């Protein structure tokens, strides 16, 4: 099973290809705002991204690239801040997308978008399955 930890930062996960623009030791180096990513089509069974989507320069191109490297029926797990869950005074960096915007953006790219009911401040946790 091939798994990608996209924009891993210092969170190096065992059993994953950890990818970031900075060398944290134990990860591959690539700017995730540069396309294509250094992987074959339909390579990953699972992609994990935590606090990454809001920092992408071109959301549509990034999701298209995830579609390219994720296998059919592959799973994309993500946590991302959304404005409707921001209940604290914490500062959120990057571009914010609403839950509805994210759902539409992913479904337009042939992903089945399913948020988890878990609430953790401003974070939305979701799973997006790629369907044929």
C-alpha atoms as a PDB file:
ATOM      1  CA  UNK A   1       0.000   0.000   0.000  1.00  0.00           C
ATOM      2  CA  UNK A   2       1.478   3.358  -1.053  1.00  0.00           C
ATOM      3  CA  UNK A   3       0.750   6.274   1.269  1.00  0.00           C
ATOM      4  CA  UNK A   4       1.724   9.939   1.017  1.00  0.00           C
ATOM      5  CA  UNK A   5       2.052  12.458   3.852  1.00  0.00           C
ATOM      6  CA  UNK A   6       1.682  15.677   1.836  1.00  0.00           C
ATOM      7  CA  UNK A   7       3.397  18.760   3.263  1.00  0.00           C
ATOM      8  CA  UNK A   8       4.612  16.684   6.187  1.00  0.00           C
ATOM      9  CA  UNK A   9       6.670  19.307   7.993  1.00  0.00           C
ATOM     10  CA  UNK A  10       8.277  17.707  11.049  1.00  0.00           C
ATOM     11  CA  UNK A  11       5.468  15.106  11.263  1.00  0.00           C
ATOM     12  CA  UNK A  12       7.409  12.265   9.620  1.00  0.00           C
ATOM     13  CA  UNK A  13       5.068   9.262   9.483  1.00  0.00           C
ATOM     14  CA  UNK A  14       6.351   5.702   9.331  1.00  0.00           C
ATOM     15  CA  UNK A  15       5.035   3.760   6.344  1.00  0.00           C
ATOM     16  CA  UNK A  16       4.421   6.936   4.316  1.00  0.00           C
ATOM     17  CA  UNK A  17       6.339   8.822   1.701  1.00  0.00           C
ATOM     18  CA  UNK A  18       6.747  12.112   3.539  1.00  0.00           C
ATOM     19  CA  UNK A  19       6.908  15.106   1.188  1.00  0.00           C
ATOM     20  CA  UNK A  20       7.715  18.750   1.919  1.00  0.00           C
ATOM     21  CA  UNK A  21       9.648  21.670   0.441  1.00  0.00           C
ATOM     22  CA  UNK A  22      12.048  21.687   3.430  1.00  0.00           C
ATOM     23  CA  UNK A  23      14.392  18.847   4.386  1.00  0.00           C
ATOM     24  CA  UNK A  24      13.268  17.757   7.847  1.00  0.00           C
ATOM     25  CA  UNK A  25      15.219  14.508   7.679  1.00  0.00           C
ATOM     26  CA  UNK A  26      13.308  11.423   6.572  1.00  0.00           C
ATOM     27  CA  UNK A  27      11.256  13.185   3.897  1.00  0.00           C
ATOM     28  CA  UNK A  28      11.471  13.696   0.158  1.00  0.00           C
ATOM     29  CA  UNK A  29      11.874  17.296  -0.977  1.00  0.00           C
ATOM     30  CA  UNK A  30       9.445  18.875  -3.433  1.00  0.00           C
ATOM     31  CA  UNK A  31       7.549  22.168  -3.583  1.00  0.00           C
ATOM     32  CA  UNK A  32       3.892  21.081  -3.526  1.00  0.00           C
ATOM     33  CA  UNK A  33       2.963  24.257  -5.395  1.00  0.00           C
ATOM     34  CA  UNK A  34       5.022  22.979  -8.370  1.00  0.00           C
ATOM     35  CA  UNK A  35       3.477  20.495 -10.787  1.00  0.00           C
ATOM     36  CA  UNK A  36       3.660  17.678 -11.541  1.00  0.00           C
ATOM     37  CA  UNK A  37       4.464  15.982  -8.261  1.00  0.00           C
ATOM     38  CA  UNK A  38       7.290  13.425  -8.615  1.00  0.00           C
ATOM     39  CA  UNK A  39       4.991  10.378  -8.694  1.00  0.00           C
ATOM     40  CA  UNK A  40       3.354   8.207 -11.340  1.00  0.00           C
ATOM     41  CA  UNK A  41      -0.353   8.357 -12.077  1.00  0.00           C
ATOM     42  CA  UNK A  42      -2.547   6.207  -9.820  1.00  0.00           C
ATOM     43  CA  UNK A  43       0.345   5.600  -7.423  1.00  0.00           C
ATOM     44  CA  UNK A  44      -1.131   6.205  -3.963  1.00  0.00           C
ATOM     45  CA  UNK A  45      -3.803   4.302  -2.073  1.00  0.00           C
ATOM     46  CA  UNK A  46      -3.911   7.016   0.575  1.00  0.00           C
ATOM     47  CA  UNK A  47      -2.899  10.667   0.843  1.00  0.00           C
ATOM     48  CA  UNK A  48      -2.812  12.482   4.183  1.00  0.00           C
ATOM     49  CA  UNK A  49      -2.614  16.275   4.475  1.00  0.00           C
ATOM     50  CA  UNK A  50      -2.831  18.227   7.713  1.00  0.00           C
ATOM     51  CA  UNK A  51      -2.962  22.039   7.635  1.00  0.00           C
ATOM     52  CA  UNK A  52      -1.847  22.159   3.991  1.00  0.00           C
ATOM     53  CA  UNK A  53      -4.767  23.057   1.718  1.00  0.00           C
ATOM     54  CA  UNK A  54      -5.034  26.595   3.045  1.00  0.00           C
ATOM     55  CA  UNK A  55      -1.413  27.271   1.999  1.00  0.00           C
ATOM     56  CA  UNK A  56      -1.627  26.108  -1.615  1.00  0.00           C
ATOM     57  CA  UNK A  57      -1.103  28.741  -4.301  1.00  0.00           C
ATOM     58  CA  UNK A  58      -3.540  27.138  -6.741  1.00  0.00           C
ATOM     59  CA  UNK A  59      -6.154  24.974  -5.075  1.00  0.00           C
ATOM     60  CA  UNK A  60      -7.681  23.686  -8.331  1.00  0.00           C
ATOM     61  CA  UNK A  61      -4.330  22.603  -9.796  1.00  0.00           C
ATOM     62  CA  UNK A  62      -3.389  20.938  -6.510  1.00  0.00           C
ATOM     63  CA  UNK A  63      -6.610  18.931  -6.332  1.00  0.00           C
ATOM     64  CA  UNK A  64      -6.185  17.961  -9.988  1.00  0.00           C
ATOM     65  CA  UNK A  65      -2.694  16.715  -9.128  1.00  0.00           C
ATOM     66  CA  UNK A  66      -4.009  14.722  -6.152  1.00  0.00           C
ATOM     67  CA  UNK A  67      -6.549  13.174  -8.520  1.00  0.00           C
ATOM     68  CA  UNK A  68      -3.709  12.216 -10.874  1.00  0.00           C
ATOM     69  CA  UNK A  69      -1.550  10.461  -8.269  1.00  0.00           C
ATOM     70  CA  UNK A  70      -4.351   8.833  -6.240  1.00  0.00           C
ATOM     71  CA  UNK A  71      -5.560   5.387  -7.311  1.00  0.00           C
ATOM     72  CA  UNK A  72      -9.215   4.862  -8.194  1.00  0.00           C
ATOM     73  CA  UNK A  73     -11.056   4.364  -4.880  1.00  0.00           C
ATOM     74  CA  UNK A  74      -8.042   5.889  -3.112  1.00  0.00           C
ATOM     75  CA  UNK A  75      -8.609   7.950   0.023  1.00  0.00           C
ATOM     76  CA  UNK A  76      -7.545  11.506   0.790  1.00  0.00           C
ATOM     77  CA  UNK A  77      -7.589  12.362   4.521  1.00  0.00           C
ATOM     78  CA  UNK A  78      -7.344  16.010   5.438  1.00  0.00           C
ATOM     79  CA  UNK A  79      -7.666  18.520   8.233  1.00  0.00           C
ATOM     80  CA  UNK A  80      -8.148  22.148   7.299  1.00  0.00           C
ATOM     81  CA  UNK A  81      -9.424  25.260   9.090  1.00  0.00           C
ATOM     82  CA  UNK A  82     -12.860  26.473   8.015  1.00  0.00           C
ATOM     83  CA  UNK A  83     -14.358  29.838   8.995  1.00  0.00           C
ATOM     84  CA  UNK A  84     -17.665  28.472  10.292  1.00  0.00           C
ATOM     85  CA  UNK A  85     -15.834  26.466  12.962  1.00  0.00           C
ATOM     86  CA  UNK A  86     -13.601  29.293  14.166  1.00  0.00           C
ATOM     87  CA  UNK A  87     -14.807  29.818  17.719  1.00  0.00           C
ATOM     88  CA  UNK A  88     -11.591  31.021  19.266  1.00  0.00           C
ATOM     89  CA  UNK A  89      -9.321  33.996  18.799  1.00  0.00           C
ATOM     90  CA  UNK A  90      -6.638  31.800  17.222  1.00  0.00           C
ATOM     91  CA  UNK A  91      -5.071  33.263  14.108  1.00  0.00           C
ATOM     92  CA  UNK A  92      -5.481  31.122  11.008  1.00  0.00           C
ATOM     93  CA  UNK A  93      -2.910  31.538   8.260  1.00  0.00           C
ATOM     94  CA  UNK A  94      -3.657  30.951   4.602  1.00  0.00           C
ATOM     95  CA  UNK A  95      -6.796  30.940   2.486  1.00  0.00           C
ATOM     96  CA  UNK A  96      -9.997  29.781   4.138  1.00  0.00           C
ATOM     97  CA  UNK A  97     -12.629  27.727   2.354  1.00  0.00           C
ATOM     98  CA  UNK A  98     -16.059  27.072   3.821  1.00  0.00           C
ATOM     99  CA  UNK A  99     -17.311  23.531   4.298  1.00  0.00           C
ATOM    100  CA  UNK A 100     -19.686  23.992   1.339  1.00  0.00           C
ATOM    101  CA  UNK A 101     -16.887  25.385  -0.867  1.00  0.00           C
ATOM    102  CA  UNK A 102     -14.624  22.435  -0.079  1.00  0.00           C
ATOM    103  CA  UNK A 103     -17.416  19.963  -0.763  1.00  0.00           C
ATOM    104  CA  UNK A 104     -18.138  21.547  -4.170  1.00  0.00           C
ATOM    105  CA  UNK A 105     -14.454  21.839  -5.109  1.00  0.00           C
ATOM    106  CA  UNK A 106     -13.741  18.192  -4.328  1.00  0.00           C
ATOM    107  CA  UNK A 107     -16.922  16.827  -5.857  1.00  0.00           C
ATOM    108  CA  UNK A 108     -16.188  18.774  -9.058  1.00  0.00           C
ATOM    109  CA  UNK A 109     -12.905  16.837  -9.218  1.00  0.00           C
ATOM    110  CA  UNK A 110     -14.706  13.452  -8.866  1.00  0.00           C
ATOM    111  CA  UNK A 111     -14.123  12.970  -5.150  1.00  0.00           C
ATOM    112  CA  UNK A 112     -16.786  11.723  -2.751  1.00  0.00           C
ATOM    113  CA  UNK A 113     -16.440  14.296   0.062  1.00  0.00           C
ATOM    114  CA  UNK A 114     -17.345  13.218   3.628  1.00  0.00           C
ATOM    115  CA  UNK A 115     -16.612  15.393   6.665  1.00  0.00           C
ATOM    116  CA  UNK A 116     -16.065  13.723  10.013  1.00  0.00           C
ATOM    117  CA  UNK A 117     -18.350  14.901  12.827  1.00  0.00           C
ATOM    118  CA  UNK A 118     -15.303  15.585  15.031  1.00  0.00           C
ATOM    119  CA  UNK A 119     -14.910  19.206  16.108  1.00  0.00           C
ATOM    120  CA  UNK A 120     -11.555  20.610  17.113  1.00  0.00           C
ATOM    121  CA  UNK A 121     -11.770  24.371  17.170  1.00  0.00           C
ATOM    122  CA  UNK A 122     -11.592  25.758  13.645  1.00  0.00           C
ATOM    123  CA  UNK A 123     -10.522  22.470  12.058  1.00  0.00           C
ATOM    124  CA  UNK A 124     -12.586  20.402   9.672  1.00  0.00           C
ATOM    125  CA  UNK A 125     -11.548  16.783   9.285  1.00  0.00           C
ATOM    126  CA  UNK A 126     -12.689  15.108   6.096  1.00  0.00           C
ATOM    127  CA  UNK A 127     -12.197  12.119   3.882  1.00  0.00           C
ATOM    128  CA  UNK A 128     -12.485  12.313   0.125  1.00  0.00           C
ATOM    129  CA  UNK A 129     -12.651   9.076  -1.829  1.00  0.00           C
ATOM    130  CA  UNK A 130     -11.762   9.148  -5.487  1.00  0.00           C
ATOM    131  CA  UNK A 131     -14.428   7.473  -7.560  1.00  0.00           C
ATOM    132  CA  UNK A 132     -14.382   6.357 -11.189  1.00  0.00           C
END
